[in-house]
Amino acid sequence: MAGWASLGFLIVVGFMLMRMYNRLVRLRVRADAAWSDMDVQLERRHDLIPKLVETVRGYAPHEKARFENIRKYRSQAVEATRPADRAQAENQLAGALTSLLAVAENHPGLKANPEFLELQASWNQTEEAIQNARRYHNAVVRDLNNNLQSFPTNILAGTFGFKQRQFFETAAAEREPVAVKF
């Protein structure tokens, strides 16, 4: 009788371990997919940048330093591999582009240009998609990290090499309203 109870106990523990492991795998896959979606949206932003810069350059050629900063930040963002590095580079890029769009406010001809208006609408859609992808990514990372830190899952996670993920955070400067000065 004790042998059957022991066997039953081992089977229950085995199923619990299998369930915890499978949950960790599902969360890791969701985190990878969320990062991939974030990457797609960031690439979409990167593809818009040259068109936007060229359009504004025609109306504001004196903003050469601003254009160079955008080029530099875009290169850093494309080359970054770790989420923390990528987030920092993307935040710098977003700030530079926001200031570029603020410069556009000083040029009535640019604001009336249909190509610029279309690019600006695409820009707004892309930024919204990035914000949604960031929110989803961070929610999945939060769930994964919570599971990795919870007992007894943390023991199983450590045994099988599961690692915590980094959040894709917005820079503090990006949270503040943009000051447009004329």
C-alpha atoms as a PDB file:
ATOM      1  CA  MET A   1       0.000   0.000   0.000  1.00  0.00           C
ATOM      2  CA  ALA A   2       2.839   2.430   0.858  1.00  0.00           C
ATOM      3  CA  GLY A   3       4.479   1.612  -2.483  1.00  0.00           C
ATOM      4  CA  TRP A   4       1.366   2.696  -4.378  1.00  0.00           C
ATOM      5  CA  ALA A   5       1.135   5.915  -2.360  1.00  0.00           C
ATOM      6  CA  SER A   6       4.797   6.665  -3.091  1.00  0.00           C
ATOM      7  CA  LEU A   7       4.301   5.954  -6.782  1.00  0.00           C
ATOM      8  CA  GLY A   8       1.200   8.170  -6.846  1.00  0.00           C
ATOM      9  CA  PHE A   9       3.123  10.949  -5.107  1.00  0.00           C
ATOM     10  CA  LEU A  10       5.984  10.703  -7.627  1.00  0.00           C
ATOM     11  CA  ILE A  11       3.553  10.800 -10.538  1.00  0.00           C
ATOM     12  CA  VAL A  12       1.831  13.916  -9.142  1.00  0.00           C
ATOM     13  CA  VAL A  13       5.207  15.621  -8.558  1.00  0.00           C
ATOM     14  CA  GLY A  14       6.323  14.632 -12.065  1.00  0.00           C
ATOM     15  CA  PHE A  15       3.199  16.156 -13.604  1.00  0.00           C
ATOM     16  CA  MET A  16       3.681  19.332 -11.560  1.00  0.00           C
ATOM     17  CA  LEU A  17       7.294  19.650 -12.728  1.00  0.00           C
ATOM     18  CA  MET A  18       6.275  18.980 -16.318  1.00  0.00           C
ATOM     19  CA  ARG A  19       3.550  21.624 -16.077  1.00  0.00           C
ATOM     20  CA  MET A  20       5.958  24.215 -14.606  1.00  0.00           C
ATOM     21  CA  TYR A  21       8.554  23.456 -17.291  1.00  0.00           C
ATOM     22  CA  ASN A  22       6.005  23.714 -20.103  1.00  0.00           C
ATOM     23  CA  ARG A  23       4.739  27.035 -18.725  1.00  0.00           C
ATOM     24  CA  LEU A  24       8.296  28.400 -18.698  1.00  0.00           C
ATOM     25  CA  VAL A  25       8.807  27.236 -22.279  1.00  0.00           C
ATOM     26  CA  ARG A  26       5.535  28.887 -23.387  1.00  0.00           C
ATOM     27  CA  LEU A  27       6.514  32.147 -21.699  1.00  0.00           C
ATOM     28  CA  ARG A  28       9.988  32.065 -23.249  1.00  0.00           C
ATOM     29  CA  VAL A  29       8.479  31.514 -26.702  1.00  0.00           C
ATOM     30  CA  ARG A  30       5.979  34.342 -26.124  1.00  0.00           C
ATOM     31  CA  ALA A  31       8.827  36.629 -25.011  1.00  0.00           C
ATOM     32  CA  ASP A  32      10.795  35.764 -28.166  1.00  0.00           C
ATOM     33  CA  ALA A  33       7.717  36.413 -30.322  1.00  0.00           C
ATOM     34  CA  ALA A  34       7.026  39.700 -28.540  1.00  0.00           C
ATOM     35  CA  TRP A  35      10.615  40.822 -29.107  1.00  0.00           C
ATOM     36  CA  SER A  36      10.339  39.822 -32.755  1.00  0.00           C
ATOM     37  CA  ASP A  37       7.173  41.907 -33.120  1.00  0.00           C
ATOM     38  CA  MET A  38       8.920  44.828 -31.450  1.00  0.00           C
ATOM     39  CA  ASP A  39      11.814  44.418 -33.861  1.00  0.00           C
ATOM     40  CA  VAL A  40       9.457  44.485 -36.853  1.00  0.00           C
ATOM     41  CA  GLN A  41       7.887  47.737 -35.653  1.00  0.00           C
ATOM     42  CA  LEU A  42      11.284  49.303 -34.988  1.00  0.00           C
ATOM     43  CA  GLU A  43      12.449  48.307 -38.475  1.00  0.00           C
ATOM     44  CA  ARG A  44       9.337  49.957 -39.854  1.00  0.00           C
ATOM     45  CA  ARG A  45      10.404  53.145 -38.054  1.00  0.00           C
ATOM     46  CA  HIS A  46      13.930  52.811 -39.443  1.00  0.00           C
ATOM     47  CA  ASP A  47      12.550  52.502 -42.987  1.00  0.00           C
ATOM     48  CA  LEU A  48      10.550  55.726 -42.603  1.00  0.00           C
ATOM     49  CA  ILE A  49      13.449  57.778 -41.304  1.00  0.00           C
ATOM     50  CA  PRO A  50      15.372  58.397 -44.568  1.00  0.00           C
ATOM     51  CA  LYS A  51      12.183  59.502 -46.349  1.00  0.00           C
ATOM     52  CA  LEU A  52      11.224  61.804 -43.506  1.00  0.00           C
ATOM     53  CA  VAL A  53      14.706  63.303 -43.232  1.00  0.00           C
ATOM     54  CA  GLU A  54      14.955  63.918 -46.988  1.00  0.00           C
ATOM     55  CA  THR A  55      11.570  65.611 -47.058  1.00  0.00           C
ATOM     56  CA  VAL A  56      12.434  67.908 -44.151  1.00  0.00           C
ATOM     57  CA  ARG A  57      15.953  68.518 -45.500  1.00  0.00           C
ATOM     58  CA  GLY A  58      14.445  70.163 -48.579  1.00  0.00           C
ATOM     59  CA  TYR A  59      12.718  72.740 -46.397  1.00  0.00           C
ATOM     60  CA  ALA A  60      15.264  73.082 -43.583  1.00  0.00           C
ATOM     61  CA  PRO A  61      18.772  72.481 -44.960  1.00  0.00           C
ATOM     62  CA  HIS A  62      20.269  74.459 -42.055  1.00  0.00           C
ATOM     63  CA  GLU A  63      19.374  71.581 -39.684  1.00  0.00           C
ATOM     64  CA  LYS A  64      22.428  69.581 -40.801  1.00  0.00           C
ATOM     65  CA  ALA A  65      23.558  68.714 -37.245  1.00  0.00           C
ATOM     66  CA  ARG A  66      20.089  67.389 -36.443  1.00  0.00           C
ATOM     67  CA  PHE A  67      20.136  65.194 -39.560  1.00  0.00           C
ATOM     68  CA  GLU A  68      23.565  63.845 -38.616  1.00  0.00           C
ATOM     69  CA  ASN A  69      22.353  62.970 -35.114  1.00  0.00           C
ATOM     70  CA  ILE A  70      19.395  61.102 -36.564  1.00  0.00           C
ATOM     71  CA  ARG A  71      21.698  59.163 -38.901  1.00  0.00           C
ATOM     72  CA  LYS A  72      24.027  58.322 -35.999  1.00  0.00           C
ATOM     73  CA  TYR A  73      21.215  57.214 -33.663  1.00  0.00           C
ATOM     74  CA  ARG A  74      19.594  55.159 -36.424  1.00  0.00           C
ATOM     75  CA  SER A  75      22.890  53.331 -37.023  1.00  0.00           C
ATOM     76  CA  GLN A  76      23.294  52.663 -33.303  1.00  0.00           C
ATOM     77  CA  ALA A  77      19.739  51.342 -33.085  1.00  0.00           C
ATOM     78  CA  VAL A  78      20.183  49.030 -36.058  1.00  0.00           C
ATOM     79  CA  GLU A  79      23.484  47.681 -34.730  1.00  0.00           C
ATOM     80  CA  ALA A  80      22.356  47.154 -31.108  1.00  0.00           C
ATOM     81  CA  THR A  81      21.753  43.525 -30.206  1.00  0.00           C
ATOM     82  CA  ARG A  82      20.875  43.501 -26.501  1.00  0.00           C
ATOM     83  CA  PRO A  83      17.420  44.792 -25.528  1.00  0.00           C
ATOM     84  CA  ALA A  84      18.840  47.351 -23.076  1.00  0.00           C
ATOM     85  CA  ASP A  85      21.242  48.751 -25.694  1.00  0.00           C
ATOM     86  CA  ARG A  86      18.517  48.723 -28.317  1.00  0.00           C
ATOM     87  CA  ALA A  87      16.098  50.527 -25.999  1.00  0.00           C
ATOM     88  CA  GLN A  88      18.658  53.232 -25.234  1.00  0.00           C
ATOM     89  CA  ALA A  89      19.483  53.757 -28.917  1.00  0.00           C
ATOM     90  CA  GLU A  90      15.803  53.745 -29.908  1.00  0.00           C
ATOM     91  CA  ASN A  91      15.001  56.287 -27.192  1.00  0.00           C
ATOM     92  CA  GLN A  92      17.740  58.599 -28.470  1.00  0.00           C
ATOM     93  CA  LEU A  93      16.479  58.144 -32.015  1.00  0.00           C
ATOM     94  CA  ALA A  94      12.874  58.840 -31.026  1.00  0.00           C
ATOM     95  CA  GLY A  95      13.937  62.020 -29.241  1.00  0.00           C
ATOM     96  CA  ALA A  96      15.897  63.246 -32.252  1.00  0.00           C
ATOM     97  CA  LEU A  97      13.007  62.499 -34.588  1.00  0.00           C
ATOM     98  CA  THR A  98      10.508  64.194 -32.310  1.00  0.00           C
ATOM     99  CA  SER A  99      12.643  67.331 -32.387  1.00  0.00           C
ATOM    100  CA  LEU A 100      12.833  67.040 -36.190  1.00  0.00           C
ATOM    101  CA  LEU A 101       9.053  66.954 -36.396  1.00  0.00           C
ATOM    102  CA  ALA A 102       8.942  69.984 -34.105  1.00  0.00           C
ATOM    103  CA  VAL A 103      11.228  71.809 -36.560  1.00  0.00           C
ATOM    104  CA  ALA A 104       8.704  71.021 -39.275  1.00  0.00           C
ATOM    105  CA  GLU A 105       6.170  73.110 -37.366  1.00  0.00           C
ATOM    106  CA  ASN A 106       8.234  76.200 -38.287  1.00  0.00           C
ATOM    107  CA  HIS A 107       7.824  75.591 -42.020  1.00  0.00           C
ATOM    108  CA  PRO A 108       4.305  76.187 -43.348  1.00  0.00           C
ATOM    109  CA  GLY A 109       5.298  74.898 -46.792  1.00  0.00           C
ATOM    110  CA  LEU A 110       6.420  71.620 -45.290  1.00  0.00           C
ATOM    111  CA  LYS A 111       3.254  71.259 -43.242  1.00  0.00           C
ATOM    112  CA  ALA A 112       1.247  71.674 -46.480  1.00  0.00           C
ATOM    113  CA  ASN A 113       3.369  69.168 -48.450  1.00  0.00           C
ATOM    114  CA  PRO A 114       1.216  66.058 -49.177  1.00  0.00           C
ATOM    115  CA  GLU A 115       4.254  63.771 -49.072  1.00  0.00           C
ATOM    116  CA  PHE A 116       5.243  65.104 -45.658  1.00  0.00           C
ATOM    117  CA  LEU A 117       1.675  64.794 -44.370  1.00  0.00           C
ATOM    118  CA  GLU A 118       1.584  61.171 -45.534  1.00  0.00           C
ATOM    119  CA  LEU A 119       4.952  60.470 -43.903  1.00  0.00           C
ATOM    120  CA  GLN A 120       3.786  62.135 -40.714  1.00  0.00           C
ATOM    121  CA  ALA A 121       0.644  59.951 -40.653  1.00  0.00           C
ATOM    122  CA  SER A 122       2.777  56.846 -41.241  1.00  0.00           C
ATOM    123  CA  TRP A 123       5.104  58.013 -38.487  1.00  0.00           C
ATOM    124  CA  ASN A 124       2.224  58.374 -36.038  1.00  0.00           C
ATOM    125  CA  GLN A 125       0.892  54.904 -36.923  1.00  0.00           C
ATOM    126  CA  THR A 126       4.348  53.412 -36.517  1.00  0.00           C
ATOM    127  CA  GLU A 127       4.902  55.058 -33.150  1.00  0.00           C
ATOM    128  CA  GLU A 128       1.528  53.751 -31.969  1.00  0.00           C
ATOM    129  CA  ALA A 129       2.429  50.241 -33.157  1.00  0.00           C
ATOM    130  CA  ILE A 130       5.785  50.481 -31.354  1.00  0.00           C
ATOM    131  CA  GLN A 131       4.034  51.566 -28.172  1.00  0.00           C
ATOM    132  CA  ASN A 132       1.625  48.610 -28.395  1.00  0.00           C
ATOM    133  CA  ALA A 133       4.452  46.174 -29.144  1.00  0.00           C
ATOM    134  CA  ARG A 134       6.473  47.576 -26.220  1.00  0.00           C
ATOM    135  CA  ARG A 135       3.509  47.214 -23.877  1.00  0.00           C
ATOM    136  CA  TYR A 136       2.913  43.593 -24.942  1.00  0.00           C
ATOM    137  CA  HIS A 137       6.618  42.728 -24.791  1.00  0.00           C
ATOM    138  CA  ASN A 138       6.954  44.146 -21.299  1.00  0.00           C
ATOM    139  CA  ALA A 139       3.833  42.294 -20.105  1.00  0.00           C
ATOM    140  CA  VAL A 140       5.200  38.974 -21.376  1.00  0.00           C
ATOM    141  CA  VAL A 141       8.626  39.680 -19.877  1.00  0.00           C
ATOM    142  CA  ARG A 142       6.959  40.536 -16.564  1.00  0.00           C
ATOM    143  CA  ASP A 143       5.075  37.218 -16.579  1.00  0.00           C
ATOM    144  CA  LEU A 144       8.220  35.283 -17.469  1.00  0.00           C
ATOM    145  CA  ASN A 145      10.341  37.040 -14.833  1.00  0.00           C
ATOM    146  CA  ASN A 146       7.655  36.541 -12.171  1.00  0.00           C
ATOM    147  CA  ASN A 147       7.597  32.827 -12.892  1.00  0.00           C
ATOM    148  CA  LEU A 148      11.383  32.631 -12.862  1.00  0.00           C
ATOM    149  CA  GLN A 149      11.495  34.222  -9.415  1.00  0.00           C
ATOM    150  CA  SER A 150       8.633  32.247  -7.854  1.00  0.00           C
ATOM    151  CA  PHE A 151       9.218  29.171  -5.728  1.00  0.00           C
ATOM    152  CA  PRO A 152       9.442  26.296  -6.707  1.00  0.00           C
ATOM    153  CA  THR A 153       9.588  27.290 -10.372  1.00  0.00           C
ATOM    154  CA  ASN A 154      12.830  29.192  -9.760  1.00  0.00           C
ATOM    155  CA  ILE A 155      14.594  25.915  -8.890  1.00  0.00           C
ATOM    156  CA  LEU A 156      13.382  24.243 -12.064  1.00  0.00           C
ATOM    157  CA  ALA A 157      14.218  27.341 -14.125  1.00  0.00           C
ATOM    158  CA  GLY A 158      17.755  27.458 -12.773  1.00  0.00           C
ATOM    159  CA  THR A 159      18.225  23.769 -13.492  1.00  0.00           C
ATOM    160  CA  PHE A 160      17.206  24.170 -17.123  1.00  0.00           C
ATOM    161  CA  GLY A 161      18.963  27.487 -17.753  1.00  0.00           C
ATOM    162  CA  PHE A 162      15.992  29.817 -18.129  1.00  0.00           C
ATOM    163  CA  LYS A 163      17.104  33.447 -17.853  1.00  0.00           C
ATOM    164  CA  GLN A 164      15.260  36.628 -16.960  1.00  0.00           C
ATOM    165  CA  ARG A 165      14.576  39.080 -19.764  1.00  0.00           C
ATOM    166  CA  GLN A 166      14.982  42.832 -19.803  1.00  0.00           C
ATOM    167  CA  PHE A 167      12.098  45.231 -20.199  1.00  0.00           C
ATOM    168  CA  PHE A 168      12.095  47.581 -23.166  1.00  0.00           C
ATOM    169  CA  GLU A 169      11.843  50.838 -21.268  1.00  0.00           C
ATOM    170  CA  THR A 170      11.034  54.318 -22.424  1.00  0.00           C
ATOM    171  CA  ALA A 171      13.489  57.050 -21.550  1.00  0.00           C
ATOM    172  CA  ALA A 172      12.326  59.569 -18.978  1.00  0.00           C
ATOM    173  CA  ALA A 173      12.742  62.365 -21.529  1.00  0.00           C
ATOM    174  CA  GLU A 174      10.332  60.585 -23.872  1.00  0.00           C
ATOM    175  CA  ARG A 175       7.624  60.661 -21.182  1.00  0.00           C
ATOM    176  CA  GLU A 176       7.707  64.457 -21.012  1.00  0.00           C
ATOM    177  CA  PRO A 177       5.748  66.601 -23.489  1.00  0.00           C
ATOM    178  CA  VAL A 178       7.850  68.002 -26.313  1.00  0.00           C
ATOM    179  CA  ALA A 179       8.553  71.699 -25.926  1.00  0.00           C
ATOM    180  CA  VAL A 180       8.190  73.450 -29.268  1.00  0.00           C
ATOM    181  CA  LYS A 181       9.811  76.886 -29.260  1.00  0.00           C
ATOM    182  CA  PHE A 182       9.379  79.435 -32.000  1.00  0.00           C
END
